[in-house]
Amino acid sequence: MKDREQRRSRLVDAQTAGAREILLDYQVLASEGDASLVEVVPRTGRSHQIRVQLAGIGHPILGDVKYGAQEPLAGGAIALYARELRVEHPTRSEPIEIAAGPSPIWPWPPAEK
């Protein structure tokens, strides 16, 4: 649920008025110390969904101090990276797929698919 005053979203009980369902799948690809590389596939498209859900289970995204990370990353970045994006073309009703290479600043080598 959006908190417009704090400019962030938050998890609420399903019985809360105005609550909307949020779903995602995730898989841990690698771990080192207390950090993990996680592949996330959102099933719904809610505001800050990935950030809110990972923080809600006690695993905020590295650098995401807005949602519970202990310290920021350089330049205020957070360790959230879209490797692949699939959307419906707005007028042709066909899928558009956009893929990106690995982030040059990632702490792990790219995950093999």
PDB file of N, CA and C in Angstrom:
ATOM      1  N   MET A   1       0.843  -1.163   0.000  1.00  0.00           N
ATOM      2  CA  MET A   1       0.000   0.000   0.000  1.00  0.00           C
ATOM      3  C   MET A   1       0.894   1.234   0.000  1.00  0.00           C
ATOM      4  N   LYS A   2       0.548   2.241  -0.788  1.00  0.00           N
ATOM      5  CA  LYS A   2       1.365   3.449  -0.894  1.00  0.00           C
ATOM      6  C   LYS A   2       1.147   4.368   0.298  1.00  0.00           C
ATOM      7  N   ASP A   3       2.256   4.895   0.813  1.00  0.00           N
ATOM      8  CA  ASP A   3       2.233   5.926   1.843  1.00  0.00           C
ATOM      9  C   ASP A   3       2.763   7.181   1.164  1.00  0.00           C
ATOM     10  N   ARG A   4       1.869   8.020   0.698  1.00  0.00           N
ATOM     11  CA  ARG A   4       2.261   9.174  -0.104  1.00  0.00           C
ATOM     12  C   ARG A   4       3.071  10.195   0.696  1.00  0.00           C
ATOM     13  N   GLU A   5       2.804  10.319   1.990  1.00  0.00           N
ATOM     14  CA  GLU A   5       3.564  11.269   2.817  1.00  0.00           C
ATOM     15  C   GLU A   5       5.030  10.871   2.911  1.00  0.00           C
ATOM     16  N   GLN A   6       5.304   9.579   3.126  1.00  0.00           N
ATOM     17  CA  GLN A   6       6.683   9.108   3.232  1.00  0.00           C
ATOM     18  C   GLN A   6       7.282   8.733   1.881  1.00  0.00           C
ATOM     19  N   ARG A   7       6.474   8.790   0.814  1.00  0.00           N
ATOM     20  CA  ARG A   7       6.901   8.452  -0.540  1.00  0.00           C
ATOM     21  C   ARG A   7       7.501   7.048  -0.613  1.00  0.00           C
ATOM     22  N   ARG A   8       6.777   6.098  -0.051  1.00  0.00           N
ATOM     23  CA  ARG A   8       7.188   4.699  -0.092  1.00  0.00           C
ATOM     24  C   ARG A   8       5.957   3.818  -0.001  1.00  0.00           C
ATOM     25  N   SER A   9       6.144   2.554  -0.318  1.00  0.00           N
ATOM     26  CA  SER A   9       5.066   1.573  -0.219  1.00  0.00           C
ATOM     27  C   SER A   9       5.333   0.705   0.993  1.00  0.00           C
ATOM     28  N   ARG A  10       4.306  -0.019   1.450  1.00  0.00           N
ATOM     29  CA  ARG A  10       4.485  -0.898   2.604  1.00  0.00           C
ATOM     30  C   ARG A  10       3.579  -2.100   2.472  1.00  0.00           C
ATOM     31  N   LEU A  11       3.991  -3.190   3.131  1.00  0.00           N
ATOM     32  CA  LEU A  11       3.171  -4.395   3.171  1.00  0.00           C
ATOM     33  C   LEU A  11       2.071  -4.213   4.193  1.00  0.00           C
ATOM     34  N   VAL A  12       0.890  -4.680   3.854  1.00  0.00           N
ATOM     35  CA  VAL A  12      -0.235  -4.639   4.785  1.00  0.00           C
ATOM     36  C   VAL A  12      -0.947  -5.980   4.740  1.00  0.00           C
ATOM     37  N   ASP A  13      -1.753  -6.249   5.733  1.00  0.00           N
ATOM     38  CA  ASP A  13      -2.570  -7.459   5.785  1.00  0.00           C
ATOM     39  C   ASP A  13      -3.583  -7.422   4.642  1.00  0.00           C
ATOM     40  N   ALA A  14      -3.883  -8.571   4.086  1.00  0.00           N
ATOM     41  CA  ALA A  14      -4.829  -8.660   2.968  1.00  0.00           C
ATOM     42  C   ALA A  14      -6.204  -8.115   3.306  1.00  0.00           C
ATOM     43  N   GLN A  15      -6.537  -8.059   4.589  1.00  0.00           N
ATOM     44  CA  GLN A  15      -7.846  -7.569   5.010  1.00  0.00           C
ATOM     45  C   GLN A  15      -7.896  -6.046   5.104  1.00  0.00           C
ATOM     46  N   THR A  16      -6.760  -5.367   4.962  1.00  0.00           N
ATOM     47  CA  THR A  16      -6.708  -3.916   5.051  1.00  0.00           C
ATOM     48  C   THR A  16      -7.445  -3.289   3.880  1.00  0.00           C
ATOM     49  N   ALA A  17      -8.282  -2.299   4.165  1.00  0.00           N
ATOM     50  CA  ALA A  17      -9.029  -1.612   3.114  1.00  0.00           C
ATOM     51  C   ALA A  17      -8.055  -1.021   2.102  1.00  0.00           C
ATOM     52  N   GLY A  18      -8.322  -1.240   0.829  1.00  0.00           N
ATOM     53  CA  GLY A  18      -7.480  -0.711  -0.237  1.00  0.00           C
ATOM     54  C   GLY A  18      -6.264  -1.550  -0.560  1.00  0.00           C
ATOM     55  N   ALA A  19      -6.056  -2.656   0.172  1.00  0.00           N
ATOM     56  CA  ALA A  19      -4.893  -3.520  -0.082  1.00  0.00           C
ATOM     57  C   ALA A  19      -5.026  -4.191  -1.439  1.00  0.00           C
ATOM     58  N   ARG A  20      -3.886  -4.330  -2.133  1.00  0.00           N
ATOM     59  CA  ARG A  20      -3.851  -5.012  -3.423  1.00  0.00           C
ATOM     60  C   ARG A  20      -2.827  -6.135  -3.350  1.00  0.00           C
ATOM     61  N   GLU A  21      -3.134  -7.245  -3.962  1.00  0.00           N
ATOM     62  CA  GLU A  21      -2.245  -8.405  -3.934  1.00  0.00           C
ATOM     63  C   GLU A  21      -0.942  -8.114  -4.686  1.00  0.00           C
ATOM     64  N   ILE A  22       0.181  -8.571  -4.110  1.00  0.00           N
ATOM     65  CA  ILE A  22       1.465  -8.500  -4.778  1.00  0.00           C
ATOM     66  C   ILE A  22       2.098  -9.883  -4.751  1.00  0.00           C
ATOM     67  N   LEU A  23       2.583 -10.321  -5.915  1.00  0.00           N
ATOM     68  CA  LEU A  23       3.178 -11.647  -6.042  1.00  0.00           C
ATOM     69  C   LEU A  23       4.484 -11.561  -6.805  1.00  0.00           C
ATOM     70  N   LEU A  24       5.474 -12.328  -6.355  1.00  0.00           N
ATOM     71  CA  LEU A  24       6.707 -12.464  -7.110  1.00  0.00           C
ATOM     72  C   LEU A  24       7.323 -13.816  -6.828  1.00  0.00           C
ATOM     73  N   ASP A  25       8.127 -14.274  -7.755  1.00  0.00           N
ATOM     74  CA  ASP A  25       8.918 -15.491  -7.582  1.00  0.00           C
ATOM     75  C   ASP A  25      10.362 -15.054  -7.464  1.00  0.00           C
ATOM     76  N   TYR A  26      11.143 -15.784  -6.673  1.00  0.00           N
ATOM     77  CA  TYR A  26      12.567 -15.471  -6.599  1.00  0.00           C
ATOM     78  C   TYR A  26      13.371 -16.736  -6.389  1.00  0.00           C
ATOM     79  N   GLN A  27      14.631 -16.653  -6.805  1.00  0.00           N
ATOM     80  CA  GLN A  27      15.550 -17.783  -6.677  1.00  0.00           C
ATOM     81  C   GLN A  27      16.916 -17.209  -6.302  1.00  0.00           C
ATOM     82  N   VAL A  28      17.535 -17.757  -5.260  1.00  0.00           N
ATOM     83  CA  VAL A  28      18.873 -17.346  -4.859  1.00  0.00           C
ATOM     84  C   VAL A  28      19.877 -18.002  -5.803  1.00  0.00           C
ATOM     85  N   LEU A  29      20.691 -17.188  -6.483  1.00  0.00           N
ATOM     86  CA  LEU A  29      21.661 -17.696  -7.450  1.00  0.00           C
ATOM     87  C   LEU A  29      23.056 -17.851  -6.856  1.00  0.00           C
ATOM     88  N   ALA A  30      23.396 -16.984  -5.903  1.00  0.00           N
ATOM     89  CA  ALA A  30      24.719 -17.037  -5.266  1.00  0.00           C
ATOM     90  C   ALA A  30      24.640 -16.304  -3.936  1.00  0.00           C
ATOM     91  N   SER A  31      25.512 -16.662  -3.003  1.00  0.00           N
ATOM     92  CA  SER A  31      25.585 -15.990  -1.705  1.00  0.00           C
ATOM     93  C   SER A  31      27.034 -15.814  -1.298  1.00  0.00           C
ATOM     94  N   GLU A  32      27.285 -14.724  -0.604  1.00  0.00           N
ATOM     95  CA  GLU A  32      28.602 -14.464  -0.042  1.00  0.00           C
ATOM     96  C   GLU A  32      28.402 -13.637   1.221  1.00  0.00           C
ATOM     97  N   GLY A  33      28.831 -14.175   2.356  1.00  0.00           N
ATOM     98  CA  GLY A  33      28.600 -13.473   3.622  1.00  0.00           C
ATOM     99  C   GLY A  33      27.110 -13.326   3.867  1.00  0.00           C
ATOM    100  N   ASP A  34      26.671 -12.110   4.137  1.00  0.00           N
ATOM    101  CA  ASP A  34      25.242 -11.895   4.389  1.00  0.00           C
ATOM    102  C   ASP A  34      24.523 -11.301   3.172  1.00  0.00           C
ATOM    103  N   ALA A  35      25.131 -11.393   1.982  1.00  0.00           N
ATOM    104  CA  ALA A  35      24.515 -10.875   0.756  1.00  0.00           C
ATOM    105  C   ALA A  35      24.251 -12.024  -0.217  1.00  0.00           C
ATOM    106  N   SER A  36      23.184 -11.884  -0.984  1.00  0.00           N
ATOM    107  CA  SER A  36      22.838 -12.903  -1.983  1.00  0.00           C
ATOM    108  C   SER A  36      22.475 -12.247  -3.300  1.00  0.00           C
ATOM    109  N   LEU A  37      22.808 -12.940  -4.385  1.00  0.00           N
ATOM    110  CA  LEU A  37      22.372 -12.554  -5.719  1.00  0.00           C
ATOM    111  C   LEU A  37      21.077 -13.312  -5.960  1.00  0.00           C
ATOM    112  N   VAL A  38      20.016 -12.569  -6.252  1.00  0.00           N
ATOM    113  CA  VAL A  38      18.690 -13.167  -6.357  1.00  0.00           C
ATOM    114  C   VAL A  38      18.070 -12.794  -7.700  1.00  0.00           C
ATOM    115  N   GLU A  39      17.522 -13.790  -8.383  1.00  0.00           N
ATOM    116  CA  GLU A  39      16.740 -13.530  -9.587  1.00  0.00           C
ATOM    117  C   GLU A  39      15.280 -13.412  -9.164  1.00  0.00           C
ATOM    118  N   VAL A  40      14.650 -12.312  -9.550  1.00  0.00           N
ATOM    119  CA  VAL A  40      13.271 -12.038  -9.143  1.00  0.00           C
ATOM    120  C   VAL A  40      12.403 -11.886 -10.386  1.00  0.00           C
ATOM    121  N   VAL A  41      11.235 -12.518 -10.354  1.00  0.00           N
ATOM    122  CA  VAL A  41      10.258 -12.380 -11.431  1.00  0.00           C
ATOM    123  C   VAL A  41       8.957 -11.889 -10.802  1.00  0.00           C
ATOM    124  N   PRO A  42       8.635 -10.605 -10.983  1.00  0.00           N
ATOM    125  CA  PRO A  42       7.375 -10.099 -10.446  1.00  0.00           C
ATOM    126  C   PRO A  42       6.183 -10.694 -11.206  1.00  0.00           C
ATOM    127  N   ARG A  43       5.148 -11.082 -10.487  1.00  0.00           N
ATOM    128  CA  ARG A  43       3.929 -11.607 -11.117  1.00  0.00           C
ATOM    129  C   ARG A  43       2.831 -10.544 -11.167  1.00  0.00           C
ATOM    130  N   THR A  44       2.983  -9.505 -10.387  1.00  0.00           N
ATOM    131  CA  THR A  44       2.081  -8.362 -10.408  1.00  0.00           C
ATOM    132  C   THR A  44       2.949  -7.125 -10.555  1.00  0.00           C
ATOM    133  N   GLY A  45       2.381  -6.030 -10.927  1.00  0.00           N
ATOM    134  CA  GLY A  45       3.161  -4.818 -11.167  1.00  0.00           C
ATOM    135  C   GLY A  45       2.803  -3.699 -10.225  1.00  0.00           C
ATOM    136  N   ARG A  46       3.215  -3.817  -9.000  1.00  0.00           N
ATOM    137  CA  ARG A  46       2.902  -2.798  -7.999  1.00  0.00           C
ATOM    138  C   ARG A  46       4.111  -1.896  -7.762  1.00  0.00           C
ATOM    139  N   SER A  47       3.847  -0.711  -7.294  1.00  0.00           N
ATOM    140  CA  SER A  47       4.886   0.267  -7.011  1.00  0.00           C
ATOM    141  C   SER A  47       5.884  -0.266  -5.979  1.00  0.00           C
ATOM    142  N   HIS A  48       7.160  -0.254  -6.312  1.00  0.00           N
ATOM    143  CA  HIS A  48       8.256  -0.691  -5.429  1.00  0.00           C
ATOM    144  C   HIS A  48       8.092  -2.133  -4.960  1.00  0.00           C
ATOM    145  N   GLN A  49       7.383  -2.942  -5.726  1.00  0.00           N
ATOM    146  CA  GLN A  49       7.032  -4.300  -5.316  1.00  0.00           C
ATOM    147  C   GLN A  49       8.226  -5.136  -4.878  1.00  0.00           C
ATOM    148  N   ILE A  50       9.269  -5.188  -5.674  1.00  0.00           N
ATOM    149  CA  ILE A  50      10.424  -6.021  -5.331  1.00  0.00           C
ATOM    150  C   ILE A  50      11.075  -5.507  -4.058  1.00  0.00           C
ATOM    151  N   ARG A  51      11.254  -4.210  -3.963  1.00  0.00           N
ATOM    152  CA  ARG A  51      11.890  -3.601  -2.798  1.00  0.00           C
ATOM    153  C   ARG A  51      11.087  -3.876  -1.531  1.00  0.00           C
ATOM    154  N   VAL A  52       9.784  -3.715  -1.606  1.00  0.00           N
ATOM    155  CA  VAL A  52       8.910  -3.898  -0.438  1.00  0.00           C
ATOM    156  C   VAL A  52       8.880  -5.361  -0.005  1.00  0.00           C
ATOM    157  N   GLN A  53       8.724  -6.279  -0.948  1.00  0.00           N
ATOM    158  CA  GLN A  53       8.610  -7.684  -0.577  1.00  0.00           C
ATOM    159  C   GLN A  53       9.902  -8.254  -0.019  1.00  0.00           C
ATOM    160  N   LEU A  54      11.045  -7.920  -0.609  1.00  0.00           N
ATOM    161  CA  LEU A  54      12.303  -8.421  -0.069  1.00  0.00           C
ATOM    162  C   LEU A  54      12.574  -7.829   1.313  1.00  0.00           C
ATOM    163  N   ALA A  55      12.297  -6.552   1.499  1.00  0.00           N
ATOM    164  CA  ALA A  55      12.450  -5.948   2.828  1.00  0.00           C
ATOM    165  C   ALA A  55      11.480  -6.592   3.817  1.00  0.00           C
ATOM    166  N   GLY A  56      10.287  -6.929   3.357  1.00  0.00           N
ATOM    167  CA  GLY A  56       9.269  -7.523   4.221  1.00  0.00           C
ATOM    168  C   GLY A  56       9.642  -8.891   4.763  1.00  0.00           C
ATOM    169  N   ILE A  57      10.519  -9.608   4.064  1.00  0.00           N
ATOM    170  CA  ILE A  57      10.969 -10.908   4.571  1.00  0.00           C
ATOM    171  C   ILE A  57      12.336 -10.793   5.248  1.00  0.00           C
ATOM    172  N   GLY A  58      12.747  -9.548   5.507  1.00  0.00           N
ATOM    173  CA  GLY A  58      13.983  -9.321   6.243  1.00  0.00           C
ATOM    174  C   GLY A  58      15.246  -9.295   5.406  1.00  0.00           C
ATOM    175  N   HIS A  59      15.103  -9.127   4.079  1.00  0.00           N
ATOM    176  CA  HIS A  59      16.252  -9.103   3.182  1.00  0.00           C
ATOM    177  C   HIS A  59      16.179  -7.914   2.232  1.00  0.00           C
ATOM    178  N   PRO A  60      16.369  -6.694   2.764  1.00  0.00           N
ATOM    179  CA  PRO A  60      16.310  -5.529   1.883  1.00  0.00           C
ATOM    180  C   PRO A  60      17.436  -5.565   0.843  1.00  0.00           C
ATOM    181  N   ILE A  61      17.217  -4.902  -0.261  1.00  0.00           N
ATOM    182  CA  ILE A  61      18.204  -4.828  -1.332  1.00  0.00           C
ATOM    183  C   ILE A  61      19.399  -4.002  -0.852  1.00  0.00           C
ATOM    184  N   LEU A  62      20.607  -4.462  -1.193  1.00  0.00           N
ATOM    185  CA  LEU A  62      21.812  -3.726  -0.809  1.00  0.00           C
ATOM    186  C   LEU A  62      21.699  -2.265  -1.237  1.00  0.00           C
ATOM    187  N   GLY A  63      21.992  -1.371  -0.321  1.00  0.00           N
ATOM    188  CA  GLY A  63      21.968   0.052  -0.604  1.00  0.00           C
ATOM    189  C   GLY A  63      20.609   0.708  -0.502  1.00  0.00           C
ATOM    190  N   ASP A  64      19.555  -0.066  -0.345  1.00  0.00           N
ATOM    191  CA  ASP A  64      18.191   0.483  -0.327  1.00  0.00           C
ATOM    192  C   ASP A  64      17.803   0.925   1.087  1.00  0.00           C
ATOM    193  N   VAL A  65      18.395   2.020   1.542  1.00  0.00           N
ATOM    194  CA  VAL A  65      18.148   2.497   2.906  1.00  0.00           C
ATOM    195  C   VAL A  65      16.689   2.903   3.118  1.00  0.00           C
ATOM    196  N   LYS A  66      15.990   3.263   2.057  1.00  0.00           N
ATOM    197  CA  LYS A  66      14.567   3.607   2.164  1.00  0.00           C
ATOM    198  C   LYS A  66      13.749   2.420   2.665  1.00  0.00           C
ATOM    199  N   TYR A  67      14.195   1.216   2.318  1.00  0.00           N
ATOM    200  CA  TYR A  67      13.467   0.006   2.696  1.00  0.00           C
ATOM    201  C   TYR A  67      14.279  -0.927   3.594  1.00  0.00           C
ATOM    202  N   GLY A  68      15.182  -0.367   4.390  1.00  0.00           N
ATOM    203  CA  GLY A  68      15.797  -1.165   5.445  1.00  0.00           C
ATOM    204  C   GLY A  68      17.242  -1.572   5.316  1.00  0.00           C
ATOM    205  N   ALA A  69      17.923  -1.253   4.214  1.00  0.00           N
ATOM    206  CA  ALA A  69      19.351  -1.573   4.118  1.00  0.00           C
ATOM    207  C   ALA A  69      20.105  -0.765   5.172  1.00  0.00           C
ATOM    208  N   GLN A  70      21.153  -1.338   5.720  1.00  0.00           N
ATOM    209  CA  GLN A  70      21.901  -0.690   6.789  1.00  0.00           C
ATOM    210  C   GLN A  70      22.760   0.466   6.306  1.00  0.00           C
ATOM    211  N   GLU A  71      23.237   0.407   5.062  1.00  0.00           N
ATOM    212  CA  GLU A  71      24.082   1.486   4.562  1.00  0.00           C
ATOM    213  C   GLU A  71      23.875   1.664   3.067  1.00  0.00           C
ATOM    214  N   PRO A  72      24.076   2.887   2.567  1.00  0.00           N
ATOM    215  CA  PRO A  72      23.902   3.136   1.130  1.00  0.00           C
ATOM    216  C   PRO A  72      25.091   2.622   0.323  1.00  0.00           C
ATOM    217  N   LEU A  73      24.863   2.422  -0.957  1.00  0.00           N
ATOM    218  CA  LEU A  73      25.949   2.124  -1.888  1.00  0.00           C
ATOM    219  C   LEU A  73      26.473   3.450  -2.446  1.00  0.00           C
ATOM    220  N   ALA A  74      27.612   3.407  -3.092  1.00  0.00           N
ATOM    221  CA  ALA A  74      28.209   4.605  -3.677  1.00  0.00           C
ATOM    222  C   ALA A  74      27.218   5.296  -4.606  1.00  0.00           C
ATOM    223  N   GLY A  75      27.151   6.598  -4.496  1.00  0.00           N
ATOM    224  CA  GLY A  75      26.287   7.379  -5.369  1.00  0.00           C
ATOM    225  C   GLY A  75      24.807   7.233  -5.092  1.00  0.00           C
ATOM    226  N   GLY A  76      24.438   6.595  -3.983  1.00  0.00           N
ATOM    227  CA  GLY A  76      23.030   6.417  -3.652  1.00  0.00           C
ATOM    228  C   GLY A  76      22.344   5.319  -4.445  1.00  0.00           C
ATOM    229  N   ALA A  77      23.121   4.503  -5.157  1.00  0.00           N
ATOM    230  CA  ALA A  77      22.544   3.414  -5.953  1.00  0.00           C
ATOM    231  C   ALA A  77      22.014   2.313  -5.049  1.00  0.00           C
ATOM    232  N   ILE A  78      21.119   1.498  -5.582  1.00  0.00           N
ATOM    233  CA  ILE A  78      20.696   0.272  -4.907  1.00  0.00           C
ATOM    234  C   ILE A  78      21.015  -0.887  -5.845  1.00  0.00           C
ATOM    235  N   ALA A  79      21.226  -2.066  -5.293  1.00  0.00           N
ATOM    236  CA  ALA A  79      21.625  -3.237  -6.086  1.00  0.00           C
ATOM    237  C   ALA A  79      20.405  -3.922  -6.699  1.00  0.00           C
ATOM    238  N   LEU A  80      19.695  -3.179  -7.516  1.00  0.00           N
ATOM    239  CA  LEU A  80      18.525  -3.696  -8.234  1.00  0.00           C
ATOM    240  C   LEU A  80      18.764  -3.425  -9.709  1.00  0.00           C
ATOM    241  N   TYR A  81      18.704  -4.477 -10.511  1.00  0.00           N
ATOM    242  CA  TYR A  81      19.098  -4.379 -11.910  1.00  0.00           C
ATOM    243  C   TYR A  81      18.132  -5.174 -12.762  1.00  0.00           C
ATOM    244  N   ALA A  82      17.564  -4.546 -13.794  1.00  0.00           N
ATOM    245  CA  ALA A  82      16.657  -5.238 -14.715  1.00  0.00           C
ATOM    246  C   ALA A  82      17.479  -5.860 -15.839  1.00  0.00           C
ATOM    247  N   ARG A  83      17.596  -7.161 -15.808  1.00  0.00           N
ATOM    248  CA  ARG A  83      18.346  -7.898 -16.825  1.00  0.00           C
ATOM    249  C   ARG A  83      17.505  -8.126 -18.070  1.00  0.00           C
ATOM    250  N   GLU A  84      16.207  -8.266 -17.867  1.00  0.00           N
ATOM    251  CA  GLU A  84      15.301  -8.553 -18.969  1.00  0.00           C
ATOM    252  C   GLU A  84      13.946  -7.929 -18.667  1.00  0.00           C
ATOM    253  N   LEU A  85      13.319  -7.399 -19.702  1.00  0.00           N
ATOM    254  CA  LEU A  85      12.015  -6.769 -19.538  1.00  0.00           C
ATOM    255  C   LEU A  85      11.120  -7.196 -20.694  1.00  0.00           C
ATOM    256  N   ARG A  86       9.919  -7.639 -20.375  1.00  0.00           N
ATOM    257  CA  ARG A  86       8.927  -8.010 -21.390  1.00  0.00           C
ATOM    258  C   ARG A  86       7.664  -7.216 -21.130  1.00  0.00           C
ATOM    259  N   VAL A  87       7.228  -6.483 -22.136  1.00  0.00           N
ATOM    260  CA  VAL A  87       5.996  -5.694 -22.033  1.00  0.00           C
ATOM    261  C   VAL A  87       5.187  -5.847 -23.310  1.00  0.00           C
ATOM    262  N   GLU A  88       3.934  -5.520 -23.225  1.00  0.00           N
ATOM    263  CA  GLU A  88       3.056  -5.556 -24.387  1.00  0.00           C
ATOM    264  C   GLU A  88       3.161  -4.230 -25.133  1.00  0.00           C
ATOM    265  N   HIS A  89       3.366  -4.285 -26.457  1.00  0.00           N
ATOM    266  CA  HIS A  89       3.405  -3.060 -27.256  1.00  0.00           C
ATOM    267  C   HIS A  89       2.053  -2.362 -27.117  1.00  0.00           C
ATOM    268  N   PRO A  90       2.034  -1.052 -26.908  1.00  0.00           N
ATOM    269  CA  PRO A  90       0.774  -0.362 -26.606  1.00  0.00           C
ATOM    270  C   PRO A  90      -0.242  -0.316 -27.740  1.00  0.00           C
ATOM    271  N   THR A  91       0.187  -0.420 -28.997  1.00  0.00           N
ATOM    272  CA  THR A  91      -0.780  -0.352 -30.088  1.00  0.00           C
ATOM    273  C   THR A  91      -0.837  -1.609 -30.953  1.00  0.00           C
ATOM    274  N   ARG A  92       0.246  -2.382 -31.003  1.00  0.00           N
ATOM    275  CA  ARG A  92       0.279  -3.570 -31.865  1.00  0.00           C
ATOM    276  C   ARG A  92      -0.103  -4.850 -31.144  1.00  0.00           C
ATOM    277  N   SER A  93      -0.324  -4.797 -29.846  1.00  0.00           N
ATOM    278  CA  SER A  93      -0.692  -5.967 -29.052  1.00  0.00           C
ATOM    279  C   SER A  93       0.247  -7.156 -29.278  1.00  0.00           C
ATOM    280  N   GLU A  94       1.535  -6.867 -29.276  1.00  0.00           N
ATOM    281  CA  GLU A  94       2.539  -7.923 -29.387  1.00  0.00           C
ATOM    282  C   GLU A  94       3.612  -7.677 -28.332  1.00  0.00           C
ATOM    283  N   PRO A  95       4.282  -8.736 -27.894  1.00  0.00           N
ATOM    284  CA  PRO A  95       5.284  -8.558 -26.842  1.00  0.00           C
ATOM    285  C   PRO A  95       6.545  -7.865 -27.353  1.00  0.00           C
ATOM    286  N   ILE A  96       7.118  -7.067 -26.488  1.00  0.00           N
ATOM    287  CA  ILE A  96       8.414  -6.444 -26.733  1.00  0.00           C
ATOM    288  C   ILE A  96       9.346  -6.985 -25.669  1.00  0.00           C
ATOM    289  N   GLU A  97      10.509  -7.479 -26.078  1.00  0.00           N
ATOM    290  CA  GLU A  97      11.492  -7.995 -25.124  1.00  0.00           C
ATOM    291  C   GLU A  97      12.764  -7.175 -25.229  1.00  0.00           C
ATOM    292  N   ILE A  98      13.250  -6.725 -24.079  1.00  0.00           N
ATOM    293  CA  ILE A  98      14.483  -5.951 -24.005  1.00  0.00           C
ATOM    294  C   ILE A  98      15.409  -6.681 -23.042  1.00  0.00           C
ATOM    295  N   ALA A  99      16.635  -6.939 -23.471  1.00  0.00           N
ATOM    296  CA  ALA A  99      17.605  -7.626 -22.622  1.00  0.00           C
ATOM    297  C   ALA A  99      18.855  -6.766 -22.485  1.00  0.00           C
ATOM    298  N   ALA A 100      19.453  -6.811 -21.312  1.00  0.00           N
ATOM    299  CA  ALA A 100      20.671  -6.053 -21.046  1.00  0.00           C
ATOM    300  C   ALA A 100      21.784  -7.014 -20.647  1.00  0.00           C
ATOM    301  N   GLY A 101      23.008  -6.617 -20.895  1.00  0.00           N
ATOM    302  CA  GLY A 101      24.152  -7.401 -20.457  1.00  0.00           C
ATOM    303  C   GLY A 101      24.316  -7.264 -18.953  1.00  0.00           C
ATOM    304  N   PRO A 102      25.298  -7.957 -18.393  1.00  0.00           N
ATOM    305  CA  PRO A 102      25.522  -7.876 -16.948  1.00  0.00           C
ATOM    306  C   PRO A 102      25.951  -6.475 -16.525  1.00  0.00           C
ATOM    307  N   SER A 103      25.596  -6.107 -15.323  1.00  0.00           N
ATOM    308  CA  SER A 103      25.999  -4.816 -14.781  1.00  0.00           C
ATOM    309  C   SER A 103      27.515  -4.802 -14.589  1.00  0.00           C
ATOM    310  N   PRO A 104      28.188  -3.741 -15.000  1.00  0.00           N
ATOM    311  CA  PRO A 104      29.647  -3.688 -14.855  1.00  0.00           C
ATOM    312  C   PRO A 104      30.110  -3.497 -13.407  1.00  0.00           C
ATOM    313  N   ILE A 105      29.195  -3.191 -12.493  1.00  0.00           N
ATOM    314  CA  ILE A 105      29.591  -2.957 -11.104  1.00  0.00           C
ATOM    315  C   ILE A 105      29.136  -4.067 -10.165  1.00  0.00           C
ATOM    316  N   TRP A 106      28.615  -5.172 -10.737  1.00  0.00           N
ATOM    317  CA  TRP A 106      28.075  -6.247  -9.884  1.00  0.00           C
ATOM    318  C   TRP A 106      29.162  -6.981  -9.137  1.00  0.00           C
ATOM    319  N   PRO A 107      28.876  -7.410  -7.906  1.00  0.00           N
ATOM    320  CA  PRO A 107      29.894  -8.135  -7.133  1.00  0.00           C
ATOM    321  C   PRO A 107      30.048  -9.609  -7.537  1.00  0.00           C
ATOM    322  N   TRP A 108      29.138 -10.133  -8.338  1.00  0.00           N
ATOM    323  CA  TRP A 108      29.211 -11.533  -8.772  1.00  0.00           C
ATOM    324  C   TRP A 108      29.308 -11.581 -10.280  1.00  0.00           C
ATOM    325  N   PRO A 109      29.848 -12.683 -10.814  1.00  0.00           N
ATOM    326  CA  PRO A 109      29.790 -12.849 -12.270  1.00  0.00           C
ATOM    327  C   PRO A 109      28.336 -13.068 -12.681  1.00  0.00           C
ATOM    328  N   PRO A 110      28.000 -12.817 -13.940  1.00  0.00           N
ATOM    329  CA  PRO A 110      26.609 -12.990 -14.373  1.00  0.00           C
ATOM    330  C   PRO A 110      26.143 -14.433 -14.189  1.00  0.00           C
ATOM    331  N   ALA A 111      24.894 -14.586 -13.833  1.00  0.00           N
ATOM    332  CA  ALA A 111      24.318 -15.913 -13.639  1.00  0.00           C
ATOM    333  C   ALA A 111      24.121 -16.577 -14.990  1.00  0.00           C
ATOM    334  N   GLU A 112      24.403 -17.844 -15.072  1.00  0.00           N
ATOM    335  CA  GLU A 112      24.182 -18.598 -16.305  1.00  0.00           C
ATOM    336  C   GLU A 112      22.720 -18.990 -16.391  1.00  0.00           C
ATOM    337  N   LYS A 113      22.158 -18.919 -17.556  1.00  0.00           N
ATOM    338  CA  LYS A 113      20.755 -19.300 -17.769  1.00  0.00           C
ATOM    339  C   LYS A 113      20.677 -20.604 -18.489  1.00  0.00           C
TER     340      LYS A 113
END
